[in-house]
PDB file of N, CA and C in Angstrom:
ATOM      1  N   MET A   1      92.861  48.696 127.574  1.00  0.00           N
ATOM      2  CA  MET A   1      92.956  50.273 127.875  1.00  0.00           C
ATOM      3  C   MET A   1      91.570  50.674 127.857  1.00  0.00           C
ATOM      4  N   GLY A   2      90.778  50.860 126.571  1.00  0.00           N
ATOM      5  CA  GLY A   2      89.933  51.921 125.977  1.00  0.00           C
ATOM      6  C   GLY A   2      88.841  51.973 127.178  1.00  0.00           C
ATOM      7  N   SER A   3      88.451  50.565 127.478  1.00  0.00           N
ATOM      8  CA  SER A   3      87.339  50.169 128.386  1.00  0.00           C
ATOM      9  C   SER A   3      87.455  51.122 129.036  1.00  0.00           C
ATOM     10  N   GLU A   4      89.171  50.787 129.784  1.00  0.00           N
ATOM     11  CA  GLU A   4      89.370  51.415 131.450  1.00  0.00           C
ATOM     12  C   GLU A   4      89.408  52.943 131.580  1.00  0.00           C
ATOM     13  N   LEU A   5      89.680  53.504 130.146  1.00  0.00           N
ATOM     14  CA  LEU A   5      89.369  54.538 129.958  1.00  0.00           C
ATOM     15  C   LEU A   5      87.964  55.816 130.189  1.00  0.00           C
ATOM     16  N   LYS A   6      87.273  54.718 129.228  1.00  0.00           N
ATOM     17  CA  LYS A   6      85.728  54.463 129.402  1.00  0.00           C
ATOM     18  C   LYS A   6      84.719  54.949 130.879  1.00  0.00           C
ATOM     19  N   GLU A   7      85.514  53.902 131.646  1.00  0.00           N
ATOM     20  CA  GLU A   7      84.773  53.930 132.234  1.00  0.00           C
ATOM     21  C   GLU A   7      85.725  54.667 133.503  1.00  0.00           C
ATOM     22  N   LEU A   8      86.772  54.908 133.428  1.00  0.00           N
ATOM     23  CA  LEU A   8      86.936  56.300 134.607  1.00  0.00           C
ATOM     24  C   LEU A   8      86.583  57.689 134.418  1.00  0.00           C
ATOM     25  N   LYS A   9      86.605  57.688 133.145  1.00  0.00           N
ATOM     26  CA  LYS A   9      85.851  59.028 133.080  1.00  0.00           C
ATOM     27  C   LYS A   9      84.063  58.896 132.771  1.00  0.00           C
ATOM     28  N   ALA A  10      83.704  58.082 133.002  1.00  0.00           N
ATOM     29  CA  ALA A  10      82.100  58.018 133.431  1.00  0.00           C
ATOM     30  C   ALA A  10      81.790  58.049 134.642  1.00  0.00           C
ATOM     31  N   LEU A  11      82.606  57.117 135.503  1.00  0.00           N
ATOM     32  CA  LEU A  11      83.112  57.545 136.918  1.00  0.00           C
ATOM     33  C   LEU A  11      83.286  59.001 137.460  1.00  0.00           C
ATOM     34  N   LEU A  12      83.953  59.640 136.993  1.00  0.00           N
ATOM     35  CA  LEU A  12      84.291  61.098 136.760  1.00  0.00           C
ATOM     36  C   LEU A  12      83.259  62.211 137.286  1.00  0.00           C
ATOM     37  N   SER A  13      82.653  61.507 135.709  1.00  0.00           N
ATOM     38  CA  SER A  13      81.237  62.484 135.720  1.00  0.00           C
ATOM     39  C   SER A  13      80.451  62.213 136.521  1.00  0.00           C
ATOM     40  N   TYR A  14      80.505  61.331 137.436  1.00  0.00           N
ATOM     41  CA  TYR A  14      78.923  60.420 138.023  1.00  0.00           C
ATOM     42  C   TYR A  14      79.274  61.277 139.296  1.00  0.00           C
ATOM     43  N   MET A  15      81.026  61.483 139.447  1.00  0.00           N
ATOM     44  CA  MET A  15      81.054  61.837 140.811  1.00  0.00           C
ATOM     45  C   MET A  15      81.476  63.540 141.102  1.00  0.00           C
ATOM     46  N   ILE A  16      81.496  64.227 139.768  1.00  0.00           N
ATOM     47  CA  ILE A  16      81.507  65.954 139.990  1.00  0.00           C
ATOM     48  C   ILE A  16      79.801  65.977 139.982  1.00  0.00           C
ATOM     49  N   LYS A  17      78.740  64.789 139.733  1.00  0.00           N
ATOM     50  CA  LYS A  17      77.404  65.234 139.144  1.00  0.00           C
ATOM     51  C   LYS A  17      77.376  64.773 140.789  1.00  0.00           C
ATOM     52  N   HIS A  18      77.179  63.818 141.285  1.00  0.00           N
ATOM     53  CA  HIS A  18      76.967  63.464 142.953  1.00  0.00           C
ATOM     54  C   HIS A  18      77.175  64.675 143.945  1.00  0.00           C
ATOM     55  N   ASN A  19      78.653  65.329 143.734  1.00  0.00           N
ATOM     56  CA  ASN A  19      79.466  66.354 144.509  1.00  0.00           C
ATOM     57  C   ASN A  19      78.568  67.876 144.269  1.00  0.00           C
ATOM     58  N   ASP A  20      77.746  67.803 143.299  1.00  0.00           N
ATOM     59  CA  ASP A  20      77.209  68.907 142.735  1.00  0.00           C
ATOM     60  C   ASP A  20      75.889  68.804 143.472  1.00  0.00           C
ATOM     61  N   GLU A  21      75.231  68.137 143.443  1.00  0.00           N
ATOM     62  CA  GLU A  21      74.279  67.340 144.111  1.00  0.00           C
ATOM     63  C   GLU A  21      74.357  67.543 145.867  1.00  0.00           C
ATOM     64  N   HIS A  22      75.798  66.913 146.199  1.00  0.00           N
ATOM     65  CA  HIS A  22      75.529  66.723 147.636  1.00  0.00           C
ATOM     66  C   HIS A  22      76.026  68.806 148.440  1.00  0.00           C
ATOM     67  N   ALA A  23      76.844  69.300 147.242  1.00  0.00           N
ATOM     68  CA  ALA A  23      77.039  70.862 148.002  1.00  0.00           C
ATOM     69  C   ALA A  23      75.224  71.780 147.822  1.00  0.00           C
ATOM     70  N   GLY A  24      74.584  71.520 146.855  1.00  0.00           N
ATOM     71  CA  GLY A  24      73.572  71.933 147.332  1.00  0.00           C
ATOM     72  C   GLY A  24      72.601  72.169 148.560  1.00  0.00           C
ATOM     73  N   GLU A  25      73.002  70.118 148.731  1.00  0.00           N
ATOM     74  CA  GLU A  25      72.363  69.869 150.482  1.00  0.00           C
ATOM     75  C   GLU A  25      72.600  70.520 151.429  1.00  0.00           C
ATOM     76  N   LEU A  26      74.295  69.892 151.343  1.00  0.00           N
ATOM     77  CA  LEU A  26      75.124  71.215 152.174  1.00  0.00           C
ATOM     78  C   LEU A  26      74.718  72.461 152.200  1.00  0.00           C
ATOM     79  N   LYS A  27      74.535  73.321 151.812  1.00  0.00           N
ATOM     80  CA  LYS A  27      73.677  74.527 150.971  1.00  0.00           C
ATOM     81  C   LYS A  27      72.211  74.654 152.022  1.00  0.00           C
ATOM     82  N   ASP A  28      71.966  74.002 152.050  1.00  0.00           N
ATOM     83  CA  ASP A  28      70.501  74.133 152.621  1.00  0.00           C
ATOM     84  C   ASP A  28      70.858  74.181 153.865  1.00  0.00           C
ATOM     85  N   LEU A  29      71.641  72.994 154.440  1.00  0.00           N
ATOM     86  CA  LEU A  29      72.221  72.606 155.796  1.00  0.00           C
ATOM     87  C   LEU A  29      72.270  73.692 156.504  1.00  0.00           C
ATOM     88  N   ALA A  30      73.461  74.575 156.129  1.00  0.00           N
ATOM     89  CA  ALA A  30      73.885  75.838 156.210  1.00  0.00           C
ATOM     90  C   ALA A  30      72.620  76.725 156.406  1.00  0.00           C
ATOM     91  N   GLU A  31      71.667  76.333 155.785  1.00  0.00           N
ATOM     92  CA  GLU A  31      70.890  77.587 155.590  1.00  0.00           C
ATOM     93  C   GLU A  31      69.671  77.993 157.500  1.00  0.00           C
ATOM     94  N   LYS A  32      69.800  76.141 157.083  1.00  0.00           N
ATOM     95  CA  LYS A  32      68.740  75.678 158.416  1.00  0.00           C
ATOM     96  C   LYS A  32      69.285  75.559 159.881  1.00  0.00           C
ATOM     97  N   ALA A  33      71.077  76.287 159.545  1.00  0.00           N
ATOM     98  CA  ALA A  33      72.244  76.056 161.070  1.00  0.00           C
ATOM     99  C   ALA A  33      71.599  77.953 161.035  1.00  0.00           C
ATOM    100  N   LYS A  34      71.584  78.232 160.273  1.00  0.00           N
ATOM    101  CA  LYS A  34      71.319  79.938 160.412  1.00  0.00           C
ATOM    102  C   LYS A  34      70.423  80.212 160.391  1.00  0.00           C
ATOM    103  N   SER A  35      68.968  79.198 160.092  1.00  0.00           N
ATOM    104  CA  SER A  35      67.753  80.013 161.006  1.00  0.00           C
ATOM    105  C   SER A  35      67.251  79.337 162.672  1.00  0.00           C
ATOM    106  N   LEU A  36      68.634  78.205 162.846  1.00  0.00           N
ATOM    107  CA  LEU A  36      68.426  78.082 164.407  1.00  0.00           C
ATOM    108  C   LEU A  36      69.351  79.160 165.286  1.00  0.00           C
ATOM    109  N   GLY A  37      70.415  79.852 164.319  1.00  0.00           N
ATOM    110  CA  GLY A  37      70.469  80.717 164.867  1.00  0.00           C
ATOM    111  C   GLY A  37      71.941  80.626 165.520  1.00  0.00           C
ATOM    112  N   ASN A  38      72.571  79.944 164.140  1.00  0.00           N
ATOM    113  CA  ASN A  38      74.021  79.309 164.535  1.00  0.00           C
ATOM    114  C   ASN A  38      74.704  79.542 163.386  1.00  0.00           C
ATOM    115  N   ALA A  39      74.931  81.153 163.467  1.00  0.00           N
ATOM    116  CA  ALA A  39      75.905  81.927 162.642  1.00  0.00           C
ATOM    117  C   ALA A  39      77.577  81.031 162.496  1.00  0.00           C
ATOM    118  N   VAL A  40      78.350  80.206 163.303  1.00  0.00           N
ATOM    119  CA  VAL A  40      78.979  79.578 163.229  1.00  0.00           C
ATOM    120  C   VAL A  40      79.372  78.786 162.451  1.00  0.00           C
ATOM    121  N   ALA A  41      78.297  77.351 163.064  1.00  0.00           N
ATOM    122  CA  ALA A  41      77.918  76.567 161.796  1.00  0.00           C
ATOM    123  C   ALA A  41      77.557  76.894 160.432  1.00  0.00           C
ATOM    124  N   TYR A  42      76.478  77.969 160.269  1.00  0.00           N
ATOM    125  CA  TYR A  42      76.547  78.483 158.699  1.00  0.00           C
ATOM    126  C   TYR A  42      78.234  78.733 158.449  1.00  0.00           C
ATOM    127  N   ASP A  43      79.309  79.844 159.276  1.00  0.00           N
ATOM    128  CA  ASP A  43      79.868  80.391 158.630  1.00  0.00           C
ATOM    129  C   ASP A  43      80.648  78.725 158.023  1.00  0.00           C
ATOM    130  N   GLU A  44      80.829  77.877 158.736  1.00  0.00           N
ATOM    131  CA  GLU A  44      81.220  76.906 157.898  1.00  0.00           C
ATOM    132  C   GLU A  44      80.991  75.895 157.257  1.00  0.00           C
ATOM    133  N   LEU A  45      80.023  75.340 157.268  1.00  0.00           N
ATOM    134  CA  LEU A  45      79.095  74.692 156.039  1.00  0.00           C
ATOM    135  C   LEU A  45      79.577  75.733 154.581  1.00  0.00           C
ATOM    136  N   ILE A  46      79.146  77.014 154.749  1.00  0.00           N
ATOM    137  CA  ILE A  46      79.406  77.313 153.757  1.00  0.00           C
ATOM    138  C   ILE A  46      80.693  77.774 152.888  1.00  0.00           C
ATOM    139  N   ILE A  47      81.589  77.513 153.691  1.00  0.00           N
ATOM    140  CA  ILE A  47      83.373  77.410 153.605  1.00  0.00           C
ATOM    141  C   ILE A  47      82.901  76.101 153.114  1.00  0.00           C
ATOM    142  N   GLY A  48      82.844  75.041 153.261  1.00  0.00           N
ATOM    143  CA  GLY A  48      82.662  74.018 153.016  1.00  0.00           C
ATOM    144  C   GLY A  48      82.534  73.700 151.867  1.00  0.00           C
ATOM    145  N   VAL A  49      81.156  73.978 151.127  1.00  0.00           N
ATOM    146  CA  VAL A  49      80.140  74.266 150.335  1.00  0.00           C
ATOM    147  C   VAL A  49      81.091  75.038 148.745  1.00  0.00           C
ATOM    148  N   LYS A  50      82.060  76.135 149.251  1.00  0.00           N
ATOM    149  CA  LYS A  50      82.740  77.206 148.665  1.00  0.00           C
ATOM    150  C   LYS A  50      84.607  75.748 147.925  1.00  0.00           C
ATOM    151  N   GLU A  51      84.740  75.168 149.529  1.00  0.00           N
ATOM    152  CA  GLU A  51      85.941  73.987 149.159  1.00  0.00           C
ATOM    153  C   GLU A  51      85.429  72.697 147.784  1.00  0.00           C
ATOM    154  N   MET A  52      84.206  72.498 148.112  1.00  0.00           N
ATOM    155  CA  MET A  52      83.653  71.234 147.655  1.00  0.00           C
ATOM    156  C   MET A  52      83.482  71.635 146.259  1.00  0.00           C
ATOM    157  N   LYS A  53      83.692  72.413 145.841  1.00  0.00           N
ATOM    158  CA  LYS A  53      82.879  73.169 144.759  1.00  0.00           C
ATOM    159  C   LYS A  53      83.948  73.709 143.742  1.00  0.00           C
ATOM    160  N   LYS A  54      85.298  73.909 144.477  1.00  0.00           N
ATOM    161  CA  LYS A  54      87.117  74.256 144.164  1.00  0.00           C
ATOM    162  C   LYS A  54      87.403  72.217 144.034  1.00  0.00           C
ATOM    163  N   ALA A  55      87.124  71.798 144.674  1.00  0.00           N
ATOM    164  CA  ALA A  55      87.589  70.225 144.433  1.00  0.00           C
ATOM    165  C   ALA A  55      87.238  69.587 142.659  1.00  0.00           C
ATOM    166  N   ASN A  56      85.794  70.329 142.787  1.00  0.00           N
ATOM    167  CA  ASN A  56      84.842  69.452 141.674  1.00  0.00           C
ATOM    168  C   ASN A  56      85.242  70.578 140.570  1.00  0.00           C
ATOM    169  N   GLU A  57      85.979  71.607 140.256  1.00  0.00           N
ATOM    170  CA  GLU A  57      86.807  72.273 139.277  1.00  0.00           C
ATOM    171  C   GLU A  57      87.778  71.349 138.683  1.00  0.00           C
ATOM    172  N   ARG A  58      88.517  71.165 139.630  1.00  0.00           N
ATOM    173  CA  ARG A  58      89.263  70.463 139.813  1.00  0.00           C
ATOM    174  C   ARG A  58      89.148  68.867 138.991  1.00  0.00           C
ATOM    175  N   LEU A  59      88.230  68.467 139.667  1.00  0.00           N
ATOM    176  CA  LEU A  59      87.963  67.047 138.784  1.00  0.00           C
ATOM    177  C   LEU A  59      87.190  67.374 137.101  1.00  0.00           C
ATOM    178  N   LYS A  60      86.498  68.215 137.184  1.00  0.00           N
ATOM    179  CA  LYS A  60      86.482  68.586 135.960  1.00  0.00           C
ATOM    180  C   LYS A  60      87.617  69.008 134.838  1.00  0.00           C
ATOM    181  N   ASN A  61      88.567  69.763 135.827  1.00  0.00           N
ATOM    182  CA  ASN A  61      89.564  70.033 134.589  1.00  0.00           C
ATOM    183  C   ASN A  61      90.483  68.438 134.191  1.00  0.00           C
ATOM    184  N   ALA A  62      90.570  67.561 135.342  1.00  0.00           N
ATOM    185  CA  ALA A  62      90.817  65.969 134.865  1.00  0.00           C
ATOM    186  C   ALA A  62      89.887  65.294 134.523  1.00  0.00           C
ATOM    187  N   LEU A  63      89.245  64.991 134.183  1.00  0.00           N
ATOM    188  CA  LEU A  63      87.829  64.923 133.299  1.00  0.00           C
ATOM    189  C   LEU A  63      88.547  65.556 131.788  1.00  0.00           C
ATOM    190  N   ASN A  64      88.535  66.829 131.921  1.00  0.00           N
ATOM    191  CA  ASN A  64      88.686  67.869 130.493  1.00  0.00           C
ATOM    192  C   ASN A  64      90.217  66.966 129.745  1.00  0.00           C
ATOM    193  N   LYS A  65      91.238  66.598 130.845  1.00  0.00           N
ATOM    194  CA  LYS A  65      92.419  65.989 130.299  1.00  0.00           C
ATOM    195  C   LYS A  65      92.487  64.740 129.835  1.00  0.00           C
ATOM    196  N   LEU A  66      91.028  64.173 130.298  1.00  0.00           N
ATOM    197  CA  LEU A  66      91.198  62.559 129.677  1.00  0.00           C
ATOM    198  C   LEU A  66      90.462  62.679 128.563  1.00  0.00           C
ATOM    199  N   LYS A  67      89.558  63.817 127.928  1.00  0.00           N
ATOM    200  CA  LYS A  67      89.021  63.198 127.262  1.00  0.00           C
ATOM    201  C   LYS A  67      89.867  63.958 126.281  1.00  0.00           C
ATOM    202  N   GLU A  68      91.146  64.693 126.404  1.00  0.00           N
ATOM    203  CA  GLU A  68      91.594  65.205 125.287  1.00  0.00           C
ATOM    204  C   GLU A  68      92.274  63.944 124.582  1.00  0.00           C
TER     205      GLU A  68
END
């Protein structure tokens, strides 16, 4: 069981970092959409980034619970 918990924590840590990287990439895409004159796409992408960050906070909370 200890090795399964260790693996779960490692995978969750990886996913949190991975999601943070993708959120940054999506923000860049939002800026690109804005520069191309598509404010609606920009707004949707920014909302998506915010929601992704909220989801990542939940994942961080779960990880912290696993570490207790």
